[in-house]
PDB file of N, CA and C in Angstrom:
ATOM      1  N   UNK A   1     -11.938  14.420 -12.578  1.00  0.00           N
ATOM      2  CA  UNK A   1     -11.651  13.009 -12.700  1.00  0.00           C
ATOM      3  C   UNK A   1     -11.932  12.328 -11.365  1.00  0.00           C
ATOM      4  N   UNK A   2     -13.171  12.302 -10.952  1.00  0.00           N
ATOM      5  CA  UNK A   2     -13.497  11.667  -9.679  1.00  0.00           C
ATOM      6  C   UNK A   2     -14.020  10.254  -9.930  1.00  0.00           C
ATOM      7  N   UNK A   3     -13.610   9.385  -9.080  1.00  0.00           N
ATOM      8  CA  UNK A   3     -13.982   7.980  -9.153  1.00  0.00           C
ATOM      9  C   UNK A   3     -14.623   7.616  -7.814  1.00  0.00           C
ATOM     10  N   UNK A   4     -15.683   6.847  -7.841  1.00  0.00           N
ATOM     11  CA  UNK A   4     -16.329   6.423  -6.609  1.00  0.00           C
ATOM     12  C   UNK A   4     -15.523   5.296  -5.984  1.00  0.00           C
ATOM     13  N   UNK A   5     -15.110   5.488  -4.745  1.00  0.00           N
ATOM     14  CA  UNK A   5     -14.328   4.494  -4.016  1.00  0.00           C
ATOM     15  C   UNK A   5     -15.214   3.940  -2.918  1.00  0.00           C
ATOM     16  N   UNK A   6     -15.388   2.630  -2.911  1.00  0.00           N
ATOM     17  CA  UNK A   6     -16.283   1.949  -1.983  1.00  0.00           C
ATOM     18  C   UNK A   6     -15.462   1.140  -0.984  1.00  0.00           C
ATOM     19  N   UNK A   7     -15.807   1.265   0.290  1.00  0.00           N
ATOM     20  CA  UNK A   7     -15.167   0.486   1.350  1.00  0.00           C
ATOM     21  C   UNK A   7     -15.526  -0.988   1.173  1.00  0.00           C
ATOM     22  N   UNK A   8     -14.539  -1.838   1.294  1.00  0.00           N
ATOM     23  CA  UNK A   8     -14.760  -3.270   1.082  1.00  0.00           C
ATOM     24  C   UNK A   8     -15.556  -3.901   2.221  1.00  0.00           C
ATOM     25  N   UNK A   9     -15.535  -3.314   3.410  1.00  0.00           N
ATOM     26  CA  UNK A   9     -16.250  -3.896   4.550  1.00  0.00           C
ATOM     27  C   UNK A   9     -17.690  -3.410   4.650  1.00  0.00           C
ATOM     28  N   UNK A  10     -17.886  -2.087   4.678  1.00  0.00           N
ATOM     29  CA  UNK A  10     -19.232  -1.551   4.917  1.00  0.00           C
ATOM     30  C   UNK A  10     -19.956  -1.165   3.624  1.00  0.00           C
ATOM     31  N   UNK A  11     -19.295  -1.238   2.507  1.00  0.00           N
ATOM     32  CA  UNK A  11     -19.813  -0.910   1.169  1.00  0.00           C
ATOM     33  C   UNK A  11     -20.375   0.502   1.067  1.00  0.00           C
ATOM     34  N   UNK A  12     -19.849   1.433   1.859  1.00  0.00           N
ATOM     35  CA  UNK A  12     -20.210   2.842   1.745  1.00  0.00           C
ATOM     36  C   UNK A  12     -19.095   3.579   1.011  1.00  0.00           C
ATOM     37  N   UNK A  13     -19.441   4.717   0.463  1.00  0.00           N
ATOM     38  CA  UNK A  13     -18.476   5.488  -0.317  1.00  0.00           C
ATOM     39  C   UNK A  13     -17.459   6.176   0.602  1.00  0.00           C
ATOM     40  N   UNK A  14     -16.214   6.184   0.168  1.00  0.00           N
ATOM     41  CA  UNK A  14     -15.145   6.900   0.853  1.00  0.00           C
ATOM     42  C   UNK A  14     -14.951   8.213   0.095  1.00  0.00           C
ATOM     43  N   UNK A  15     -15.096   9.333   0.790  1.00  0.00           N
ATOM     44  CA  UNK A  15     -15.041  10.625   0.120  1.00  0.00           C
ATOM     45  C   UNK A  15     -13.792  11.436   0.446  1.00  0.00           C
ATOM     46  N   UNK A  16     -13.169  11.205   1.593  1.00  0.00           N
ATOM     47  CA  UNK A  16     -11.996  11.979   2.003  1.00  0.00           C
ATOM     48  C   UNK A  16     -10.746  11.122   1.992  1.00  0.00           C
ATOM     49  N   UNK A  17      -9.655  11.716   1.572  1.00  0.00           N
ATOM     50  CA  UNK A  17      -8.385  11.001   1.506  1.00  0.00           C
ATOM     51  C   UNK A  17      -7.922  10.558   2.889  1.00  0.00           C
ATOM     52  N   UNK A  18      -8.186  11.374   3.914  1.00  0.00           N
ATOM     53  CA  UNK A  18      -7.749  11.030   5.272  1.00  0.00           C
ATOM     54  C   UNK A  18      -8.558   9.885   5.871  1.00  0.00           C
ATOM     55  N   UNK A  19      -9.680   9.547   5.273  1.00  0.00           N
ATOM     56  CA  UNK A  19     -10.522   8.451   5.747  1.00  0.00           C
ATOM     57  C   UNK A  19     -10.193   7.135   5.042  1.00  0.00           C
ATOM     58  N   UNK A  20      -9.306   7.174   4.061  1.00  0.00           N
ATOM     59  CA  UNK A  20      -8.968   5.997   3.258  1.00  0.00           C
ATOM     60  C   UNK A  20      -7.776   5.257   3.836  1.00  0.00           C
ATOM     61  N   UNK A  21      -7.913   3.941   3.951  1.00  0.00           N
ATOM     62  CA  UNK A  21      -6.805   3.055   4.308  1.00  0.00           C
ATOM     63  C   UNK A  21      -6.789   1.950   3.273  1.00  0.00           C
ATOM     64  N   UNK A  22      -5.654   1.755   2.618  1.00  0.00           N
ATOM     65  CA  UNK A  22      -5.541   0.676   1.635  1.00  0.00           C
ATOM     66  C   UNK A  22      -4.597  -0.393   2.167  1.00  0.00           C
ATOM     67  N   UNK A  23      -4.983  -1.651   1.975  1.00  0.00           N
ATOM     68  CA  UNK A  23      -4.175  -2.795   2.401  1.00  0.00           C
ATOM     69  C   UNK A  23      -4.127  -3.804   1.258  1.00  0.00           C
ATOM     70  N   UNK A  24      -3.189  -4.734   1.338  1.00  0.00           N
ATOM     71  CA  UNK A  24      -3.115  -5.795   0.331  1.00  0.00           C
ATOM     72  C   UNK A  24      -3.773  -7.053   0.871  1.00  0.00           C
ATOM     73  N   UNK A  25      -4.587  -7.671   0.032  1.00  0.00           N
ATOM     74  CA  UNK A  25      -5.230  -8.931   0.367  1.00  0.00           C
ATOM     75  C   UNK A  25      -5.230  -9.800  -0.889  1.00  0.00           C
ATOM     76  N   UNK A  26      -4.663 -10.972  -0.790  1.00  0.00           N
ATOM     77  CA  UNK A  26      -4.535 -11.857  -1.943  1.00  0.00           C
ATOM     78  C   UNK A  26      -3.871 -11.137  -3.112  1.00  0.00           C
ATOM     79  N   UNK A  27      -2.834 -10.367  -2.840  1.00  0.00           N
ATOM     80  CA  UNK A  27      -2.066  -9.618  -3.836  1.00  0.00           C
ATOM     81  C   UNK A  27      -2.900  -8.547  -4.533  1.00  0.00           C
ATOM     82  N   UNK A  28      -3.997  -8.116  -3.937  1.00  0.00           N
ATOM     83  CA  UNK A  28      -4.862  -7.079  -4.471  1.00  0.00           C
ATOM     84  C   UNK A  28      -4.948  -5.948  -3.453  1.00  0.00           C
ATOM     85  N   UNK A  29      -4.992  -4.722  -3.938  1.00  0.00           N
ATOM     86  CA  UNK A  29      -5.103  -3.561  -3.055  1.00  0.00           C
ATOM     87  C   UNK A  29      -6.574  -3.286  -2.790  1.00  0.00           C
ATOM     88  N   UNK A  30      -6.955  -3.271  -1.502  1.00  0.00           N
ATOM     89  CA  UNK A  30      -8.345  -3.134  -1.088  1.00  0.00           C
ATOM     90  C   UNK A  30      -8.516  -1.837  -0.287  1.00  0.00           C
ATOM     91  N   UNK A  31      -9.540  -1.012  -0.597  1.00  0.00           N
ATOM     92  CA  UNK A  31      -9.783   0.212   0.180  1.00  0.00           C
ATOM     93  C   UNK A  31     -10.735  -0.029   1.354  1.00  0.00           C
ATOM     94  N   UNK A  32     -10.458   0.641   2.466  1.00  0.00           N
ATOM     95  CA  UNK A  32     -11.306   0.584   3.651  1.00  0.00           C
ATOM     96  C   UNK A  32     -11.442   1.981   4.235  1.00  0.00           C
ATOM     97  N   UNK A  33     -12.541   2.212   4.949  1.00  0.00           N
ATOM     98  CA  UNK A  33     -12.629   3.385   5.813  1.00  0.00           C
ATOM     99  C   UNK A  33     -11.649   3.183   6.960  1.00  0.00           C
ATOM    100  N   UNK A  34     -11.190   4.258   7.524  1.00  0.00           N
ATOM    101  CA  UNK A  34     -10.268   4.145   8.650  1.00  0.00           C
ATOM    102  C   UNK A  34     -10.922   3.433   9.831  1.00  0.00           C
ATOM    103  N   UNK A  35     -12.196   3.709  10.081  1.00  0.00           N
ATOM    104  CA  UNK A  35     -12.922   3.045  11.170  1.00  0.00           C
ATOM    105  C   UNK A  35     -13.077   1.550  10.913  1.00  0.00           C
ATOM    106  N   UNK A  36     -13.409   1.187   9.681  1.00  0.00           N
ATOM    107  CA  UNK A  36     -13.581  -0.231   9.338  1.00  0.00           C
ATOM    108  C   UNK A  36     -12.262  -0.978   9.482  1.00  0.00           C
ATOM    109  N   UNK A  37     -11.175  -0.361   9.051  1.00  0.00           N
ATOM    110  CA  UNK A  37      -9.860  -0.976   9.183  1.00  0.00           C
ATOM    111  C   UNK A  37      -9.499  -1.151  10.651  1.00  0.00           C
ATOM    112  N   UNK A  38      -9.710  -0.111  11.442  1.00  0.00           N
ATOM    113  CA  UNK A  38      -9.369  -0.182  12.865  1.00  0.00           C
ATOM    114  C   UNK A  38     -10.228  -1.199  13.597  1.00  0.00           C
ATOM    115  N   UNK A  39     -11.481  -1.324  13.219  1.00  0.00           N
ATOM    116  CA  UNK A  39     -12.398  -2.228  13.912  1.00  0.00           C
ATOM    117  C   UNK A  39     -12.139  -3.688  13.566  1.00  0.00           C
ATOM    118  N   UNK A  40     -11.937  -4.005  12.307  1.00  0.00           N
ATOM    119  CA  UNK A  40     -11.864  -5.403  11.887  1.00  0.00           C
ATOM    120  C   UNK A  40     -10.469  -5.916  11.572  1.00  0.00           C
ATOM    121  N   UNK A  41      -9.632  -5.113  10.942  1.00  0.00           N
ATOM    122  CA  UNK A  41      -8.430  -5.665  10.347  1.00  0.00           C
ATOM    123  C   UNK A  41      -7.123  -5.299  11.022  1.00  0.00           C
ATOM    124  N   UNK A  42      -7.117  -4.340  11.897  1.00  0.00           N
ATOM    125  CA  UNK A  42      -5.863  -3.819  12.428  1.00  0.00           C
ATOM    126  C   UNK A  42      -5.025  -4.886  13.124  1.00  0.00           C
ATOM    127  N   UNK A  43      -5.616  -5.766  13.853  1.00  0.00           N
ATOM    128  CA  UNK A  43      -4.847  -6.778  14.563  1.00  0.00           C
ATOM    129  C   UNK A  43      -4.701  -8.083  13.819  1.00  0.00           C
ATOM    130  N   UNK A  44      -5.275  -8.186  12.651  1.00  0.00           N
ATOM    131  CA  UNK A  44      -5.260  -9.436  11.900  1.00  0.00           C
ATOM    132  C   UNK A  44      -3.909  -9.644  11.232  1.00  0.00           C
ATOM    133  N   UNK A  45      -3.364 -10.831  11.417  1.00  0.00           N
ATOM    134  CA  UNK A  45      -2.124 -11.195  10.739  1.00  0.00           C
ATOM    135  C   UNK A  45      -2.362 -12.528  10.044  1.00  0.00           C
ATOM    136  N   UNK A  46      -2.160 -12.536   8.753  1.00  0.00           N
ATOM    137  CA  UNK A  46      -2.282 -13.775   8.000  1.00  0.00           C
ATOM    138  C   UNK A  46      -1.342 -13.729   6.811  1.00  0.00           C
ATOM    139  N   UNK A  47      -1.292 -14.817   6.092  1.00  0.00           N
ATOM    140  CA  UNK A  47      -0.424 -14.886   4.925  1.00  0.00           C
ATOM    141  C   UNK A  47      -0.916 -13.976   3.808  1.00  0.00           C
ATOM    142  N   UNK A  48      -2.221 -13.824   3.678  1.00  0.00           N
ATOM    143  CA  UNK A  48      -2.787 -13.085   2.563  1.00  0.00           C
ATOM    144  C   UNK A  48      -3.110 -11.631   2.892  1.00  0.00           C
ATOM    145  N   UNK A  49      -3.171 -11.265   4.152  1.00  0.00           N
ATOM    146  CA  UNK A  49      -3.516  -9.908   4.547  1.00  0.00           C
ATOM    147  C   UNK A  49      -2.337  -9.266   5.265  1.00  0.00           C
ATOM    148  N   UNK A  50      -1.852  -8.182   4.688  1.00  0.00           N
ATOM    149  CA  UNK A  50      -0.770  -7.454   5.312  1.00  0.00           C
ATOM    150  C   UNK A  50      -1.359  -6.545   6.382  1.00  0.00           C
ATOM    151  N   UNK A  51      -0.750  -6.490   7.525  1.00  0.00           N
ATOM    152  CA  UNK A  51      -1.278  -5.734   8.649  1.00  0.00           C
ATOM    153  C   UNK A  51      -1.019  -4.234   8.535  1.00  0.00           C
ATOM    154  N   UNK A  52      -0.106  -3.814   7.670  1.00  0.00           N
ATOM    155  CA  UNK A  52       0.240  -2.406   7.544  1.00  0.00           C
ATOM    156  C   UNK A  52      -0.525  -1.750   6.402  1.00  0.00           C
ATOM    157  N   UNK A  53      -0.981  -0.524   6.607  1.00  0.00           N
ATOM    158  CA  UNK A  53      -1.614   0.210   5.516  1.00  0.00           C
ATOM    159  C   UNK A  53      -0.587   0.605   4.460  1.00  0.00           C
ATOM    160  N   UNK A  54      -1.013   0.652   3.210  1.00  0.00           N
ATOM    161  CA  UNK A  54      -0.125   1.067   2.130  1.00  0.00           C
ATOM    162  C   UNK A  54       0.012   2.579   2.063  1.00  0.00           C
ATOM    163  N   UNK A  55      -1.036   3.289   2.416  1.00  0.00           N
ATOM    164  CA  UNK A  55      -0.990   4.739   2.340  1.00  0.00           C
ATOM    165  C   UNK A  55      -0.693   5.328   3.711  1.00  0.00           C
ATOM    166  N   UNK A  56      -0.447   6.616   3.748  1.00  0.00           N
ATOM    167  CA  UNK A  56      -0.140   7.277   5.005  1.00  0.00           C
ATOM    168  C   UNK A  56       1.347   7.282   5.284  1.00  0.00           C
ATOM    169  N   UNK A  57       1.691   7.663   6.484  1.00  0.00           N
ATOM    170  CA  UNK A  57       3.090   7.827   6.863  1.00  0.00           C
ATOM    171  C   UNK A  57       3.863   6.507   6.804  1.00  0.00           C
ATOM    172  N   UNK A  58       3.292   5.440   7.316  1.00  0.00           N
ATOM    173  CA  UNK A  58       4.008   4.159   7.326  1.00  0.00           C
ATOM    174  C   UNK A  58       4.245   3.631   5.913  1.00  0.00           C
ATOM    175  N   UNK A  59       3.278   3.820   5.023  1.00  0.00           N
ATOM    176  CA  UNK A  59       3.454   3.397   3.631  1.00  0.00           C
ATOM    177  C   UNK A  59       4.513   4.202   2.915  1.00  0.00           C
ATOM    178  N   UNK A  60       4.536   5.511   3.181  1.00  0.00           N
ATOM    179  CA  UNK A  60       5.552   6.362   2.556  1.00  0.00           C
ATOM    180  C   UNK A  60       6.952   6.043   3.069  1.00  0.00           C
ATOM    181  N   UNK A  61       7.072   5.786   4.367  1.00  0.00           N
ATOM    182  CA  UNK A  61       8.376   5.447   4.935  1.00  0.00           C
ATOM    183  C   UNK A  61       8.873   4.113   4.382  1.00  0.00           C
ATOM    184  N   UNK A  62       8.005   3.117   4.296  1.00  0.00           N
ATOM    185  CA  UNK A  62       8.445   1.825   3.764  1.00  0.00           C
ATOM    186  C   UNK A  62       8.815   1.930   2.289  1.00  0.00           C
ATOM    187  N   UNK A  63       8.156   2.814   1.544  1.00  0.00           N
ATOM    188  CA  UNK A  63       8.517   2.994   0.142  1.00  0.00           C
ATOM    189  C   UNK A  63       9.899   3.634   0.020  1.00  0.00           C
ATOM    190  N   UNK A  64      10.187   4.640   0.828  1.00  0.00           N
ATOM    191  CA  UNK A  64      11.501   5.289   0.786  1.00  0.00           C
ATOM    192  C   UNK A  64      12.593   4.308   1.192  1.00  0.00           C
ATOM    193  N   UNK A  65      12.344   3.515   2.219  1.00  0.00           N
ATOM    194  CA  UNK A  65      13.326   2.509   2.647  1.00  0.00           C
ATOM    195  C   UNK A  65      13.550   1.482   1.537  1.00  0.00           C
ATOM    196  N   UNK A  66      12.485   1.069   0.862  1.00  0.00           N
ATOM    197  CA  UNK A  66      12.615   0.110  -0.236  1.00  0.00           C
ATOM    198  C   UNK A  66      13.433   0.691  -1.382  1.00  0.00           C
ATOM    199  N   UNK A  67      13.207   1.953  -1.694  1.00  0.00           N
ATOM    200  CA  UNK A  67      13.975   2.595  -2.764  1.00  0.00           C
ATOM    201  C   UNK A  67      15.454   2.660  -2.392  1.00  0.00           C
ATOM    202  N   UNK A  68      15.752   3.085  -1.178  1.00  0.00           N
ATOM    203  CA  UNK A  68      17.146   3.178  -0.743  1.00  0.00           C
ATOM    204  C   UNK A  68      17.822   1.803  -0.709  1.00  0.00           C
ATOM    205  N   UNK A  69      17.118   0.803  -0.187  1.00  0.00           N
ATOM    206  CA  UNK A  69      17.681  -0.545  -0.127  1.00  0.00           C
ATOM    207  C   UNK A  69      17.884  -1.118  -1.528  1.00  0.00           C
ATOM    208  N   UNK A  70      16.937  -0.879  -2.427  1.00  0.00           N
ATOM    209  CA  UNK A  70      17.072  -1.350  -3.809  1.00  0.00           C
ATOM    210  C   UNK A  70      18.244  -0.705  -4.520  1.00  0.00           C
ATOM    211  N   UNK A  71      18.425   0.604  -4.324  1.00  0.00           N
ATOM    212  CA  UNK A  71      19.580   1.283  -4.923  1.00  0.00           C
ATOM    213  C   UNK A  71      20.889   0.765  -4.346  1.00  0.00           C
ATOM    214  N   UNK A  72      20.900   0.514  -3.031  1.00  0.00           N
ATOM    215  CA  UNK A  72      22.096  -0.041  -2.409  1.00  0.00           C
ATOM    216  C   UNK A  72      22.420  -1.412  -3.004  1.00  0.00           C
ATOM    217  N   UNK A  73      21.408  -2.251  -3.202  1.00  0.00           N
ATOM    218  CA  UNK A  73      21.642  -3.570  -3.787  1.00  0.00           C
ATOM    219  C   UNK A  73      22.176  -3.476  -5.212  1.00  0.00           C
ATOM    220  N   UNK A  74      21.663  -2.547  -5.991  1.00  0.00           N
ATOM    221  CA  UNK A  74      22.104  -2.407  -7.382  1.00  0.00           C
ATOM    222  C   UNK A  74      23.556  -1.969  -7.452  1.00  0.00           C
ATOM    223  N   UNK A  75      23.952  -1.021  -6.616  1.00  0.00           N
ATOM    224  CA  UNK A  75      25.285  -0.451  -6.728  1.00  0.00           C
ATOM    225  C   UNK A  75      26.361  -1.174  -5.928  1.00  0.00           C
ATOM    226  N   UNK A  76      26.005  -1.891  -4.878  1.00  0.00           N
ATOM    227  CA  UNK A  76      27.025  -2.466  -4.008  1.00  0.00           C
ATOM    228  C   UNK A  76      27.027  -3.990  -3.955  1.00  0.00           C
ATOM    229  N   UNK A  77      26.253  -4.657  -4.768  1.00  0.00           N
ATOM    230  CA  UNK A  77      26.310  -6.115  -4.827  1.00  0.00           C
ATOM    231  C   UNK A  77      26.831  -6.546  -6.184  1.00  0.00           C
ATOM    232  N   UNK A  78      27.264  -7.789  -6.242  1.00  0.00           N
ATOM    233  CA  UNK A  78      27.864  -8.290  -7.472  1.00  0.00           C
ATOM    234  C   UNK A  78      27.087  -9.480  -8.005  1.00  0.00           C
ATOM    235  N   UNK A  79      27.197  -9.690  -9.287  1.00  0.00           N
ATOM    236  CA  UNK A  79      26.652 -10.870  -9.935  1.00  0.00           C
ATOM    237  C   UNK A  79      25.143 -10.974  -9.873  1.00  0.00           C
ATOM    238  N   UNK A  80      24.700 -12.196  -9.645  1.00  0.00           N
ATOM    239  CA  UNK A  80      23.263 -12.466  -9.683  1.00  0.00           C
ATOM    240  C   UNK A  80      22.527 -11.917  -8.463  1.00  0.00           C
ATOM    241  N   UNK A  81      23.249 -11.482  -7.452  1.00  0.00           N
ATOM    242  CA  UNK A  81      22.612 -10.897  -6.274  1.00  0.00           C
ATOM    243  C   UNK A  81      21.931  -9.566  -6.600  1.00  0.00           C
ATOM    244  N   UNK A  82      22.321  -8.961  -7.708  1.00  0.00           N
ATOM    245  CA  UNK A  82      21.683  -7.712  -8.134  1.00  0.00           C
ATOM    246  C   UNK A  82      20.219  -7.930  -8.498  1.00  0.00           C
ATOM    247  N   UNK A  83      19.879  -9.124  -8.917  1.00  0.00           N
ATOM    248  CA  UNK A  83      18.490  -9.406  -9.294  1.00  0.00           C
ATOM    249  C   UNK A  83      17.561  -9.432  -8.077  1.00  0.00           C
ATOM    250  N   UNK A  84      18.127  -9.563  -6.889  1.00  0.00           N
ATOM    251  CA  UNK A  84      17.327  -9.503  -5.671  1.00  0.00           C
ATOM    252  C   UNK A  84      16.715  -8.111  -5.521  1.00  0.00           C
ATOM    253  N   UNK A  85      17.369  -7.116  -6.084  1.00  0.00           N
ATOM    254  CA  UNK A  85      16.850  -5.751  -6.003  1.00  0.00           C
ATOM    255  C   UNK A  85      15.501  -5.617  -6.714  1.00  0.00           C
ATOM    256  N   UNK A  86      15.195  -6.525  -7.623  1.00  0.00           N
ATOM    257  CA  UNK A  86      13.886  -6.510  -8.278  1.00  0.00           C
ATOM    258  C   UNK A  86      12.769  -6.844  -7.292  1.00  0.00           C
ATOM    259  N   UNK A  87      13.060  -7.662  -6.274  1.00  0.00           N
ATOM    260  CA  UNK A  87      12.060  -7.983  -5.253  1.00  0.00           C
ATOM    261  C   UNK A  87      11.707  -6.765  -4.405  1.00  0.00           C
ATOM    262  N   UNK A  88      12.641  -5.832  -4.316  1.00  0.00           N
ATOM    263  CA  UNK A  88      12.413  -4.624  -3.545  1.00  0.00           C
ATOM    264  C   UNK A  88      11.389  -3.728  -4.247  1.00  0.00           C
ATOM    265  N   UNK A  89      11.164  -3.951  -5.533  1.00  0.00           N
ATOM    266  CA  UNK A  89      10.186  -3.161  -6.280  1.00  0.00           C
ATOM    267  C   UNK A  89       8.744  -3.460  -5.871  1.00  0.00           C
ATOM    268  N   UNK A  90       8.486  -4.587  -5.254  1.00  0.00           N
ATOM    269  CA  UNK A  90       7.113  -4.985  -4.923  1.00  0.00           C
ATOM    270  C   UNK A  90       6.413  -3.974  -4.012  1.00  0.00           C
ATOM    271  N   UNK A  91       6.994  -3.559  -2.868  1.00  0.00           N
ATOM    272  CA  UNK A  91       6.287  -2.558  -2.056  1.00  0.00           C
ATOM    273  C   UNK A  91       6.142  -1.216  -2.765  1.00  0.00           C
ATOM    274  N   UNK A  92       7.098  -0.865  -3.604  1.00  0.00           N
ATOM    275  CA  UNK A  92       7.029   0.388  -4.346  1.00  0.00           C
ATOM    276  C   UNK A  92       5.878   0.354  -5.337  1.00  0.00           C
ATOM    277  N   UNK A  93       5.713  -0.756  -6.019  1.00  0.00           N
ATOM    278  CA  UNK A  93       4.626  -0.898  -6.994  1.00  0.00           C
ATOM    279  C   UNK A  93       3.271  -0.873  -6.287  1.00  0.00           C
ATOM    280  N   UNK A  94       3.148  -1.556  -5.156  1.00  0.00           N
ATOM    281  CA  UNK A  94       1.889  -1.529  -4.393  1.00  0.00           C
ATOM    282  C   UNK A  94       1.543  -0.107  -3.956  1.00  0.00           C
ATOM    283  N   UNK A  95       2.528   0.632  -3.474  1.00  0.00           N
ATOM    284  CA  UNK A  95       2.280   2.001  -3.013  1.00  0.00           C
ATOM    285  C   UNK A  95       1.853   2.901  -4.162  1.00  0.00           C
ATOM    286  N   UNK A  96       2.527   2.791  -5.292  1.00  0.00           N
ATOM    287  CA  UNK A  96       2.160   3.598  -6.461  1.00  0.00           C
ATOM    288  C   UNK A  96       0.776   3.229  -6.982  1.00  0.00           C
ATOM    289  N   UNK A  97       0.468   1.943  -6.987  1.00  0.00           N
ATOM    290  CA  UNK A  97      -0.862   1.519  -7.431  1.00  0.00           C
ATOM    291  C   UNK A  97      -1.948   2.044  -6.499  1.00  0.00           C
ATOM    292  N   UNK A  98      -1.685   2.019  -5.196  1.00  0.00           N
ATOM    293  CA  UNK A  98      -2.641   2.544  -4.219  1.00  0.00           C
ATOM    294  C   UNK A  98      -2.911   4.015  -4.476  1.00  0.00           C
ATOM    295  N   UNK A  99      -1.866   4.767  -4.769  1.00  0.00           N
ATOM    296  CA  UNK A  99      -2.055   6.188  -5.046  1.00  0.00           C
ATOM    297  C   UNK A  99      -2.835   6.396  -6.345  1.00  0.00           C
ATOM    298  N   UNK A 100      -2.425   5.718  -7.410  1.00  0.00           N
ATOM    299  CA  UNK A 100      -3.053   5.940  -8.709  1.00  0.00           C
ATOM    300  C   UNK A 100      -4.492   5.438  -8.765  1.00  0.00           C
ATOM    301  N   UNK A 101      -4.777   4.351  -8.100  1.00  0.00           N
ATOM    302  CA  UNK A 101      -6.120   3.768  -8.180  1.00  0.00           C
ATOM    303  C   UNK A 101      -7.107   4.410  -7.225  1.00  0.00           C
ATOM    304  N   UNK A 102      -6.645   4.879  -6.062  1.00  0.00           N
ATOM    305  CA  UNK A 102      -7.582   5.347  -5.044  1.00  0.00           C
ATOM    306  C   UNK A 102      -7.326   6.775  -4.562  1.00  0.00           C
ATOM    307  N   UNK A 103      -6.136   7.046  -4.087  1.00  0.00           N
ATOM    308  CA  UNK A 103      -5.883   8.302  -3.372  1.00  0.00           C
ATOM    309  C   UNK A 103      -6.040   9.543  -4.244  1.00  0.00           C
ATOM    310  N   UNK A 104      -5.608   9.490  -5.470  1.00  0.00           N
ATOM    311  CA  UNK A 104      -5.642  10.697  -6.284  1.00  0.00           C
ATOM    312  C   UNK A 104      -7.071  11.105  -6.665  1.00  0.00           C
ATOM    313  N   UNK A 105      -8.032  10.217  -6.493  1.00  0.00           N
ATOM    314  CA  UNK A 105      -9.423  10.512  -6.837  1.00  0.00           C
ATOM    315  C   UNK A 105     -10.208  11.127  -5.687  1.00  0.00           C
ATOM    316  N   UNK A 106      -9.598  11.234  -4.515  1.00  0.00           N
ATOM    317  CA  UNK A 106     -10.311  11.733  -3.332  1.00  0.00           C
ATOM    318  C   UNK A 106      -9.899  13.160  -3.000  1.00  0.00           C
ATOM    319  N   UNK A 107     -10.778  13.842  -2.278  1.00  0.00           N
ATOM    320  CA  UNK A 107     -10.496  15.205  -1.817  1.00  0.00           C
ATOM    321  C   UNK A 107      -9.503  15.154  -0.671  1.00  0.00           C
ATOM    322  N   UNK A 108      -8.674  16.162  -0.600  1.00  0.00           N
ATOM    323  CA  UNK A 108      -7.652  16.211   0.453  1.00  0.00           C
ATOM    324  C   UNK A 108      -8.242  16.510   1.807  1.00  0.00           C
TER     325      UNK A 108
END
């Protein structure tokens, strides 16, 4: 089940999982080579482009923190404040989508 993953900047194929960096742009998950990300996007901060990669150690840590914070909100808040925990699902959904759409199709 291999899928061709193309870098959004250089339009070359990404073949290794360690070379893939996914970021969100305009609420869409975009794949980049690690070099392309480091060269063009790493220092960019804007409303539509998140500066942190979704995959890798930082993405996994933010997903775990989001899960823990969401569970804390569900169990220790009252009333309508529990619905705020639904907002915590956004980084979790982005991370899962990044894995399902891109990472699982690449070689380790």
